[in-house]
Amino acid sequence: MSASEIERTLVRLVHEIIEKNNGAADLGIVGIRRRGVFLAQRLGEMIQRIEKTPVPVGTLDISLYRDDLSTVGPQPIVQKSDIGFPIAGKNIILADDVLYTGRTVRAALDALFRQGRPRQVQLCVLIDRGHRELPIEATFVGRKVQTTSQEIIEVKLRELDGDEKVLLVEKQG
């Protein structure tokens, strides 16, 4: 995906989110740390421009909630989750760049529910590449990309990578 394709995809996702939630009232967006945070910020800004209502955006670090913590390293680096608004009773859009096995989303749900009890949680991903290990599906999907286990989806965002594109690449080794 090129930068313009990413932009068009986000515009479509924003309209789907607004339609499914009957506007932006009681809506909050939480990005899963790293690239999900920047996608959440963009979605929030776009919704605010359309709906003329501020949409709170927060950050979720799932490091300590992962079920593969032992493979991450002896001392995982945990960054602060800063949701910054009460999630109780809100419709929460959980944003991430790529949905693959579902394990990141499972960890994010555990971390999110430690912060309160939202009315509803909807998952929004830029890319769904399949290969689920857990029964998790996204409510809002930018693009479905069929991949093999030997392929990786690389999402590059200008805020983090200085570039804007989505690549399908072969695993090295």
N, C-alpha and C. Protein backbone atom coordinates (compact mmCIF):
# COMPACT_ATOMS: atom_id res chain seq x y z
N MET A 1 0.84 -1.17 0.00
CA MET A 1 0.00 0.00 0.00
C MET A 1 0.89 1.23 0.00
N SER A 2 0.50 2.20 -0.78
CA SER A 2 1.20 3.48 -0.81
C SER A 2 0.64 4.40 0.27
N ALA A 3 1.27 5.55 0.44
CA ALA A 3 0.79 6.54 1.42
C ALA A 3 -0.64 6.97 1.11
N SER A 4 -0.94 7.20 -0.18
CA SER A 4 -2.30 7.63 -0.53
C SER A 4 -3.32 6.52 -0.31
N GLU A 5 -2.92 5.27 -0.52
CA GLU A 5 -3.83 4.15 -0.26
C GLU A 5 -4.10 4.00 1.24
N ILE A 6 -3.08 4.22 2.05
CA ILE A 6 -3.27 4.18 3.50
C ILE A 6 -4.23 5.27 3.93
N GLU A 7 -4.04 6.47 3.40
CA GLU A 7 -4.92 7.60 3.74
C GLU A 7 -6.37 7.31 3.35
N ARG A 8 -6.59 6.83 2.13
CA ARG A 8 -7.95 6.50 1.69
C ARG A 8 -8.57 5.41 2.55
N THR A 9 -7.76 4.43 2.93
CA THR A 9 -8.25 3.34 3.78
C THR A 9 -8.66 3.87 5.14
N LEU A 10 -7.87 4.76 5.72
CA LEU A 10 -8.22 5.34 7.03
C LEU A 10 -9.50 6.17 6.94
N VAL A 11 -9.67 6.91 5.85
CA VAL A 11 -10.90 7.69 5.66
C VAL A 11 -12.10 6.75 5.64
N ARG A 12 -11.99 5.65 4.91
CA ARG A 12 -13.09 4.68 4.85
C ARG A 12 -13.37 4.09 6.22
N LEU A 13 -12.31 3.71 6.94
CA LEU A 13 -12.48 3.14 8.28
C LEU A 13 -13.17 4.12 9.21
N VAL A 14 -12.79 5.38 9.14
CA VAL A 14 -13.41 6.41 9.99
C VAL A 14 -14.91 6.51 9.71
N HIS A 15 -15.28 6.49 8.44
CA HIS A 15 -16.71 6.56 8.11
C HIS A 15 -17.45 5.32 8.60
N GLU A 16 -16.82 4.16 8.51
CA GLU A 16 -17.44 2.93 9.03
C GLU A 16 -17.61 3.01 10.55
N ILE A 17 -16.60 3.52 11.23
CA ILE A 17 -16.66 3.66 12.70
C ILE A 17 -17.80 4.60 13.10
N ILE A 18 -17.87 5.75 12.43
CA ILE A 18 -18.92 6.73 12.73
C ILE A 18 -20.30 6.14 12.47
N GLU A 19 -20.45 5.44 11.35
CA GLU A 19 -21.74 4.86 11.01
C GLU A 19 -22.15 3.80 12.01
N LYS A 20 -21.26 2.88 12.34
CA LYS A 20 -21.58 1.78 13.25
C LYS A 20 -21.88 2.28 14.67
N ASN A 21 -21.27 3.41 15.06
CA ASN A 21 -21.45 3.93 16.42
C ASN A 21 -22.39 5.12 16.49
N ASN A 22 -23.11 5.39 15.41
CA ASN A 22 -24.06 6.50 15.36
C ASN A 22 -23.43 7.81 15.81
N GLY A 23 -22.26 8.10 15.27
CA GLY A 23 -21.56 9.33 15.61
C GLY A 23 -20.41 9.08 16.54
N ALA A 24 -19.97 10.14 17.22
CA ALA A 24 -18.78 10.05 18.06
C ALA A 24 -19.09 10.14 19.56
N ALA A 25 -20.37 10.25 19.92
CA ALA A 25 -20.72 10.33 21.34
C ALA A 25 -20.31 9.04 22.05
N ASP A 26 -19.71 9.16 23.21
CA ASP A 26 -19.27 8.02 24.03
C ASP A 26 -18.25 7.14 23.33
N LEU A 27 -17.52 7.70 22.36
CA LEU A 27 -16.50 6.96 21.64
C LEU A 27 -15.12 7.31 22.20
N GLY A 28 -14.28 6.30 22.33
CA GLY A 28 -12.88 6.50 22.71
C GLY A 28 -12.03 5.57 21.86
N ILE A 29 -10.83 6.02 21.54
CA ILE A 29 -9.94 5.20 20.71
C ILE A 29 -8.68 4.92 21.50
N VAL A 30 -8.28 3.65 21.53
CA VAL A 30 -7.08 3.25 22.25
C VAL A 30 -6.16 2.51 21.28
N GLY A 31 -4.95 3.03 21.12
CA GLY A 31 -3.98 2.42 20.22
C GLY A 31 -3.05 1.48 20.96
N ILE A 32 -2.80 0.32 20.35
CA ILE A 32 -1.86 -0.64 20.93
C ILE A 32 -0.44 -0.19 20.56
N ARG A 33 0.38 -0.05 21.59
CA ARG A 33 1.73 0.47 21.39
C ARG A 33 2.47 -0.31 20.34
N ARG A 34 2.99 0.18 19.52
CA ARG A 34 3.72 1.13 18.75
C ARG A 34 2.85 1.68 17.64
N ARG A 35 2.77 1.03 16.54
CA ARG A 35 2.10 1.67 15.39
C ARG A 35 0.60 1.87 15.59
N GLY A 36 -0.04 1.07 16.43
CA GLY A 36 -1.45 1.26 16.70
C GLY A 36 -1.75 2.60 17.34
N VAL A 37 -0.78 3.13 18.08
CA VAL A 37 -0.95 4.43 18.74
C VAL A 37 -1.10 5.53 17.69
N PHE A 38 -0.25 5.50 16.67
CA PHE A 38 -0.30 6.54 15.63
C PHE A 38 -1.55 6.40 14.77
N LEU A 39 -1.97 5.17 14.53
CA LEU A 39 -3.22 4.96 13.79
C LEU A 39 -4.39 5.49 14.61
N ALA A 40 -4.39 5.23 15.92
CA ALA A 40 -5.46 5.72 16.80
C ALA A 40 -5.53 7.24 16.78
N GLN A 41 -4.36 7.89 16.84
CA GLN A 41 -4.33 9.36 16.82
C GLN A 41 -4.91 9.89 15.50
N ARG A 42 -4.53 9.27 14.41
CA ARG A 42 -5.06 9.72 13.11
C ARG A 42 -6.57 9.51 13.02
N LEU A 43 -7.03 8.34 13.47
CA LEU A 43 -8.48 8.07 13.45
C LEU A 43 -9.22 9.09 14.30
N GLY A 44 -8.70 9.38 15.49
CA GLY A 44 -9.34 10.35 16.37
C GLY A 44 -9.43 11.74 15.75
N GLU A 45 -8.34 12.17 15.11
CA GLU A 45 -8.34 13.49 14.46
C GLU A 45 -9.34 13.54 13.31
N MET A 46 -9.39 12.47 12.53
CA MET A 46 -10.31 12.44 11.38
C MET A 46 -11.77 12.42 11.84
N ILE A 47 -12.07 11.65 12.88
CA ILE A 47 -13.43 11.61 13.41
C ILE A 47 -13.82 12.98 13.94
N GLN A 48 -12.90 13.62 14.65
CA GLN A 48 -13.17 14.95 15.21
C GLN A 48 -13.46 15.96 14.10
N ARG A 49 -12.73 15.91 12.99
CA ARG A 49 -12.98 16.82 11.87
C ARG A 49 -14.36 16.60 11.28
N ILE A 50 -14.77 15.35 11.18
CA ILE A 50 -16.06 15.04 10.56
C ILE A 50 -17.21 15.33 11.51
N GLU A 51 -17.09 14.88 12.75
CA GLU A 51 -18.19 14.96 13.72
C GLU A 51 -18.19 16.25 14.54
N LYS A 52 -17.12 17.03 14.45
CA LYS A 52 -17.00 18.28 15.22
C LYS A 52 -17.12 18.03 16.72
N THR A 53 -16.65 16.86 17.14
CA THR A 53 -16.67 16.46 18.54
C THR A 53 -15.31 15.86 18.87
N PRO A 54 -14.68 16.30 19.96
CA PRO A 54 -13.39 15.69 20.32
C PRO A 54 -13.57 14.22 20.72
N VAL A 55 -12.65 13.39 20.25
CA VAL A 55 -12.68 11.97 20.58
C VAL A 55 -11.42 11.67 21.38
N PRO A 56 -11.57 11.21 22.63
CA PRO A 56 -10.38 10.91 23.42
C PRO A 56 -9.60 9.74 22.82
N VAL A 57 -8.27 9.89 22.82
CA VAL A 57 -7.38 8.86 22.28
C VAL A 57 -6.36 8.49 23.34
N GLY A 58 -6.17 7.21 23.56
CA GLY A 58 -5.21 6.73 24.56
C GLY A 58 -4.25 5.71 24.00
N THR A 59 -3.28 5.35 24.84
CA THR A 59 -2.22 4.42 24.48
C THR A 59 -2.23 3.23 25.42
N LEU A 60 -2.00 2.05 24.88
CA LEU A 60 -2.00 0.83 25.68
C LEU A 60 -0.70 0.07 25.43
N ASP A 61 0.05 -0.19 26.51
CA ASP A 61 1.25 -1.02 26.41
C ASP A 61 0.85 -2.40 26.93
N ILE A 62 1.04 -3.41 26.10
CA ILE A 62 0.59 -4.76 26.46
C ILE A 62 1.73 -5.68 26.87
N SER A 63 2.94 -5.15 27.03
CA SER A 63 4.13 -5.97 27.27
C SER A 63 3.93 -7.01 28.37
N LEU A 64 3.39 -6.61 29.50
CA LEU A 64 3.25 -7.54 30.63
C LEU A 64 2.06 -8.47 30.50
N TYR A 65 1.23 -8.28 29.48
CA TYR A 65 0.04 -9.10 29.32
C TYR A 65 0.21 -10.17 28.25
N ARG A 66 1.36 -10.18 27.59
CA ARG A 66 1.59 -11.13 26.50
C ARG A 66 1.76 -12.54 27.07
N ASP A 67 1.25 -13.53 26.35
CA ASP A 67 1.42 -14.92 26.79
C ASP A 67 2.75 -15.50 26.33
N ASP A 68 3.50 -14.72 25.55
CA ASP A 68 4.82 -15.16 25.09
C ASP A 68 5.93 -14.35 25.76
N LEU A 69 5.65 -13.85 26.97
CA LEU A 69 6.58 -12.97 27.67
C LEU A 69 7.95 -13.61 27.84
N SER A 70 8.01 -14.93 28.05
CA SER A 70 9.30 -15.59 28.25
C SER A 70 10.16 -15.54 27.00
N THR A 71 9.56 -15.38 25.83
CA THR A 71 10.34 -15.32 24.60
C THR A 71 10.75 -13.90 24.24
N VAL A 72 10.21 -12.91 24.96
CA VAL A 72 10.52 -11.51 24.67
C VAL A 72 11.90 -11.15 25.22
N GLY A 73 12.29 -11.75 26.32
CA GLY A 73 13.59 -11.46 26.93
C GLY A 73 13.46 -11.49 28.44
N PRO A 74 14.58 -11.50 29.14
CA PRO A 74 14.52 -11.59 30.60
C PRO A 74 13.93 -10.36 31.27
N GLN A 75 14.13 -9.18 30.70
CA GLN A 75 13.60 -7.95 31.27
C GLN A 75 12.86 -7.17 30.20
N PRO A 76 11.57 -7.46 29.97
CA PRO A 76 10.86 -6.71 28.94
C PRO A 76 10.77 -5.24 29.32
N ILE A 77 10.90 -4.39 28.32
CA ILE A 77 10.79 -2.95 28.55
C ILE A 77 9.32 -2.58 28.50
N VAL A 78 8.81 -2.09 29.61
CA VAL A 78 7.40 -1.74 29.70
C VAL A 78 7.29 -0.22 29.66
N GLN A 79 6.46 0.25 28.75
CA GLN A 79 6.20 1.68 28.69
C GLN A 79 4.81 1.92 29.26
N LYS A 80 4.61 3.11 29.76
CA LYS A 80 3.37 3.44 30.45
C LYS A 80 2.16 3.39 29.52
N SER A 81 1.11 2.74 29.98
CA SER A 81 -0.16 2.83 29.29
C SER A 81 -0.79 4.14 29.72
N ASP A 82 -1.15 4.96 28.77
CA ASP A 82 -1.73 6.24 29.11
C ASP A 82 -3.04 6.39 28.35
N ILE A 83 -4.06 5.78 28.90
CA ILE A 83 -5.36 5.91 28.24
C ILE A 83 -5.85 7.34 28.42
N GLY A 84 -5.70 7.89 29.60
CA GLY A 84 -5.96 9.32 29.79
C GLY A 84 -7.42 9.73 29.86
N PHE A 85 -8.32 8.78 29.80
CA PHE A 85 -9.74 9.09 29.94
C PHE A 85 -10.43 7.85 30.52
N PRO A 86 -11.54 8.04 31.24
CA PRO A 86 -12.23 6.87 31.81
C PRO A 86 -12.91 6.09 30.69
N ILE A 87 -12.66 4.78 30.65
CA ILE A 87 -13.24 3.95 29.58
C ILE A 87 -14.57 3.33 29.98
N ALA A 88 -14.91 3.40 31.25
CA ALA A 88 -16.16 2.78 31.72
C ALA A 88 -17.36 3.36 30.96
N GLY A 89 -18.16 2.47 30.40
CA GLY A 89 -19.38 2.87 29.71
C GLY A 89 -19.17 3.41 28.31
N LYS A 90 -17.93 3.48 27.84
CA LYS A 90 -17.66 4.02 26.50
C LYS A 90 -17.59 2.90 25.46
N ASN A 91 -17.80 3.30 24.22
CA ASN A 91 -17.52 2.41 23.09
C ASN A 91 -16.06 2.63 22.73
N ILE A 92 -15.25 1.62 22.92
CA ILE A 92 -13.81 1.73 22.70
C ILE A 92 -13.44 1.09 21.37
N ILE A 93 -12.72 1.86 20.57
CA ILE A 93 -12.13 1.34 19.34
C ILE A 93 -10.69 1.00 19.69
N LEU A 94 -10.33 -0.26 19.62
CA LEU A 94 -8.96 -0.71 19.86
C LEU A 94 -8.27 -0.74 18.51
N ALA A 95 -7.20 0.04 18.35
CA ALA A 95 -6.55 0.19 17.04
C ALA A 95 -5.17 -0.46 17.02
N ASP A 96 -4.90 -1.19 15.94
CA ASP A 96 -3.58 -1.77 15.73
C ASP A 96 -3.28 -1.81 14.23
N ASP A 97 -2.02 -2.01 13.90
CA ASP A 97 -1.65 -2.00 12.49
C ASP A 97 -1.95 -3.32 11.79
N VAL A 98 -1.55 -4.45 12.38
CA VAL A 98 -1.71 -5.75 11.73
C VAL A 98 -2.36 -6.74 12.69
N LEU A 99 -3.37 -7.45 12.21
CA LEU A 99 -3.97 -8.55 12.96
C LEU A 99 -3.44 -9.84 12.36
N TYR A 100 -2.82 -10.66 13.19
CA TYR A 100 -2.20 -11.90 12.71
C TYR A 100 -2.74 -13.06 13.53
N THR A 101 -2.07 -13.46 14.61
CA THR A 101 -2.50 -14.62 15.38
C THR A 101 -3.65 -14.31 16.33
N GLY A 102 -3.79 -13.04 16.72
CA GLY A 102 -4.81 -12.65 17.69
C GLY A 102 -4.25 -12.52 19.10
N ARG A 103 -3.01 -12.93 19.31
CA ARG A 103 -2.43 -12.90 20.65
C ARG A 103 -2.19 -11.48 21.16
N THR A 104 -1.82 -10.57 20.30
CA THR A 104 -1.64 -9.17 20.70
C THR A 104 -2.97 -8.59 21.16
N VAL A 105 -4.04 -8.88 20.43
CA VAL A 105 -5.36 -8.36 20.79
C VAL A 105 -5.83 -8.96 22.10
N ARG A 106 -5.58 -10.25 22.32
CA ARG A 106 -5.96 -10.87 23.58
C ARG A 106 -5.26 -10.18 24.74
N ALA A 107 -3.97 -9.92 24.59
CA ALA A 107 -3.21 -9.22 25.62
C ALA A 107 -3.74 -7.80 25.82
N ALA A 108 -4.10 -7.14 24.73
CA ALA A 108 -4.63 -5.77 24.81
C ALA A 108 -5.96 -5.75 25.56
N LEU A 109 -6.79 -6.73 25.33
CA LEU A 109 -8.07 -6.79 26.05
C LEU A 109 -7.84 -6.97 27.55
N ASP A 110 -6.89 -7.82 27.93
CA ASP A 110 -6.56 -7.98 29.35
C ASP A 110 -6.10 -6.64 29.94
N ALA A 111 -5.20 -5.96 29.24
CA ALA A 111 -4.69 -4.67 29.72
C ALA A 111 -5.80 -3.62 29.78
N LEU A 112 -6.65 -3.61 28.77
CA LEU A 112 -7.74 -2.64 28.71
C LEU A 112 -8.71 -2.81 29.87
N PHE A 113 -9.10 -4.04 30.17
CA PHE A 113 -10.08 -4.29 31.22
C PHE A 113 -9.51 -4.04 32.62
N ARG A 114 -8.19 -3.92 32.74
CA ARG A 114 -7.59 -3.50 34.01
C ARG A 114 -7.88 -2.02 34.27
N GLN A 115 -8.22 -1.28 33.21
CA GLN A 115 -8.47 0.16 33.29
C GLN A 115 -9.95 0.48 33.57
N GLY A 116 -10.82 -0.49 33.39
CA GLY A 116 -12.25 -0.25 33.59
C GLY A 116 -13.06 -1.16 32.68
N ARG A 117 -14.38 -0.95 32.70
CA ARG A 117 -15.27 -1.80 31.91
C ARG A 117 -15.99 -0.97 30.86
N PRO A 118 -15.51 -1.03 29.62
CA PRO A 118 -16.18 -0.29 28.56
C PRO A 118 -17.53 -0.92 28.22
N ARG A 119 -18.40 -0.13 27.60
CA ARG A 119 -19.69 -0.65 27.14
C ARG A 119 -19.46 -1.68 26.04
N GLN A 120 -18.52 -1.34 25.12
CA GLN A 120 -18.27 -2.20 23.98
C GLN A 120 -16.83 -1.98 23.51
N VAL A 121 -16.20 -3.03 23.01
CA VAL A 121 -14.87 -2.91 22.42
C VAL A 121 -14.96 -3.41 20.98
N GLN A 122 -14.48 -2.56 20.07
CA GLN A 122 -14.45 -2.91 18.65
C GLN A 122 -13.00 -2.82 18.19
N LEU A 123 -12.57 -3.78 17.39
CA LEU A 123 -11.19 -3.81 16.92
C LEU A 123 -11.10 -3.22 15.52
N CYS A 124 -10.14 -2.32 15.33
CA CYS A 124 -9.89 -1.70 14.03
C CYS A 124 -8.43 -1.95 13.67
N VAL A 125 -8.20 -2.61 12.52
CA VAL A 125 -6.84 -2.88 12.07
C VAL A 125 -6.66 -2.40 10.64
N LEU A 126 -5.45 -1.96 10.35
CA LEU A 126 -5.13 -1.55 8.99
C LEU A 126 -5.05 -2.77 8.07
N ILE A 127 -4.39 -3.85 8.55
CA ILE A 127 -4.19 -5.06 7.75
C ILE A 127 -4.61 -6.28 8.57
N ASP A 128 -5.40 -7.16 7.96
CA ASP A 128 -5.73 -8.47 8.54
C ASP A 128 -5.05 -9.50 7.64
N ARG A 129 -4.07 -10.20 8.17
CA ARG A 129 -3.33 -11.16 7.35
C ARG A 129 -3.71 -12.61 7.61
N GLY A 130 -4.75 -12.84 8.43
CA GLY A 130 -5.20 -14.20 8.66
C GLY A 130 -4.28 -14.96 9.61
N HIS A 131 -4.33 -16.28 9.58
CA HIS A 131 -3.49 -17.18 10.39
C HIS A 131 -3.79 -17.07 11.88
N ARG A 132 -5.05 -16.91 12.25
CA ARG A 132 -5.42 -16.73 13.64
C ARG A 132 -5.14 -17.98 14.47
N GLU A 133 -4.66 -17.77 15.68
CA GLU A 133 -4.49 -18.84 16.67
C GLU A 133 -5.56 -18.74 17.75
N LEU A 134 -6.23 -17.60 17.82
CA LEU A 134 -7.29 -17.37 18.79
C LEU A 134 -8.53 -16.88 18.05
N PRO A 135 -9.72 -17.10 18.62
CA PRO A 135 -10.95 -16.70 17.93
C PRO A 135 -11.22 -15.20 18.04
N ILE A 136 -10.42 -14.42 17.33
CA ILE A 136 -10.52 -12.97 17.37
C ILE A 136 -10.69 -12.45 15.95
N GLU A 137 -11.67 -11.57 15.76
CA GLU A 137 -11.91 -10.95 14.46
C GLU A 137 -12.03 -9.45 14.64
N ALA A 138 -11.59 -8.71 13.65
CA ALA A 138 -11.69 -7.25 13.70
C ALA A 138 -13.06 -6.80 13.22
N THR A 139 -13.59 -5.76 13.86
CA THR A 139 -14.84 -5.14 13.44
C THR A 139 -14.62 -4.30 12.19
N PHE A 140 -13.46 -3.61 12.16
CA PHE A 140 -13.13 -2.72 11.05
C PHE A 140 -11.77 -3.14 10.48
N VAL A 141 -11.74 -3.47 9.19
CA VAL A 141 -10.52 -3.95 8.54
C VAL A 141 -10.21 -3.06 7.34
N GLY A 142 -9.00 -2.53 7.34
CA GLY A 142 -8.57 -1.72 6.20
C GLY A 142 -8.42 -2.57 4.96
N ARG A 143 -7.64 -3.64 5.08
CA ARG A 143 -7.42 -4.53 3.94
C ARG A 143 -7.06 -5.91 4.44
N LYS A 144 -7.66 -6.93 3.81
CA LYS A 144 -7.28 -8.32 4.09
C LYS A 144 -6.19 -8.70 3.10
N VAL A 145 -5.10 -9.26 3.61
CA VAL A 145 -3.98 -9.66 2.77
C VAL A 145 -3.67 -11.12 3.07
N GLN A 146 -3.83 -11.98 2.07
CA GLN A 146 -3.50 -13.39 2.26
C GLN A 146 -1.99 -13.55 2.25
N THR A 147 -1.47 -14.15 3.31
CA THR A 147 -0.02 -14.33 3.43
C THR A 147 0.29 -15.79 3.73
N THR A 148 1.55 -16.14 3.55
CA THR A 148 2.03 -17.44 4.01
C THR A 148 2.75 -17.22 5.33
N SER A 149 3.09 -18.29 6.01
CA SER A 149 3.82 -18.14 7.27
C SER A 149 5.25 -17.68 7.03
N GLN A 150 5.71 -17.71 5.79
CA GLN A 150 7.06 -17.26 5.44
C GLN A 150 7.10 -15.78 5.05
N GLU A 151 5.95 -15.12 5.12
CA GLU A 151 5.87 -13.71 4.75
C GLU A 151 5.59 -12.84 5.97
N ILE A 152 6.00 -11.60 5.89
CA ILE A 152 5.79 -10.63 6.96
C ILE A 152 5.14 -9.40 6.34
N ILE A 153 4.22 -8.80 7.07
CA ILE A 153 3.66 -7.50 6.68
C ILE A 153 4.43 -6.44 7.45
N GLU A 154 5.05 -5.52 6.74
CA GLU A 154 5.74 -4.40 7.37
C GLU A 154 4.93 -3.13 7.14
N VAL A 155 4.51 -2.51 8.23
CA VAL A 155 3.79 -1.24 8.15
C VAL A 155 4.77 -0.15 8.54
N LYS A 156 4.91 0.82 7.67
CA LYS A 156 5.78 1.97 7.92
C LYS A 156 4.89 3.20 8.03
N LEU A 157 5.00 3.92 9.15
CA LEU A 157 4.22 5.13 9.36
C LEU A 157 5.17 6.31 9.54
N ARG A 158 4.81 7.44 8.97
CA ARG A 158 5.70 8.61 8.97
C ARG A 158 6.09 9.05 10.38
N GLU A 159 5.19 8.91 11.35
CA GLU A 159 5.47 9.37 12.71
C GLU A 159 6.62 8.56 13.35
N LEU A 160 6.76 7.32 12.97
CA LEU A 160 7.73 6.42 13.59
C LEU A 160 8.88 6.08 12.66
N ASP A 161 8.57 5.91 11.38
CA ASP A 161 9.55 5.40 10.43
C ASP A 161 10.02 6.44 9.41
N GLY A 162 9.35 7.60 9.39
CA GLY A 162 9.70 8.62 8.41
C GLY A 162 9.26 8.27 7.00
N ASP A 163 8.48 7.23 6.87
CA ASP A 163 7.99 6.77 5.57
C ASP A 163 6.56 6.28 5.77
N GLU A 164 5.83 6.13 4.68
CA GLU A 164 4.42 5.75 4.77
C GLU A 164 4.11 4.70 3.72
N LYS A 165 4.07 3.43 4.13
CA LYS A 165 3.73 2.36 3.18
C LYS A 165 3.52 1.06 3.93
N VAL A 166 2.90 0.10 3.25
CA VAL A 166 2.74 -1.25 3.76
C VAL A 166 3.40 -2.18 2.75
N LEU A 167 4.28 -3.05 3.26
CA LEU A 167 5.03 -3.97 2.40
C LEU A 167 4.76 -5.42 2.80
N LEU A 168 4.76 -6.30 1.83
CA LEU A 168 4.71 -7.73 2.04
C LEU A 168 6.09 -8.25 1.68
N VAL A 169 6.81 -8.78 2.67
CA VAL A 169 8.19 -9.22 2.44
C VAL A 169 8.38 -10.67 2.90
N GLU A 170 9.34 -11.34 2.30
CA GLU A 170 9.71 -12.71 2.70
C GLU A 170 10.55 -12.65 3.97
N LYS A 171 10.30 -13.61 4.90
CA LYS A 171 11.13 -13.72 6.09
C LYS A 171 12.56 -14.06 5.70
N GLN A 172 13.50 -13.49 6.42
CA GLN A 172 14.91 -13.83 6.19
C GLN A 172 15.27 -15.06 6.99
N GLY A 173 16.04 -15.94 6.41
CA GLY A 173 16.53 -17.12 7.14
C GLY A 173 15.59 -18.22 7.03
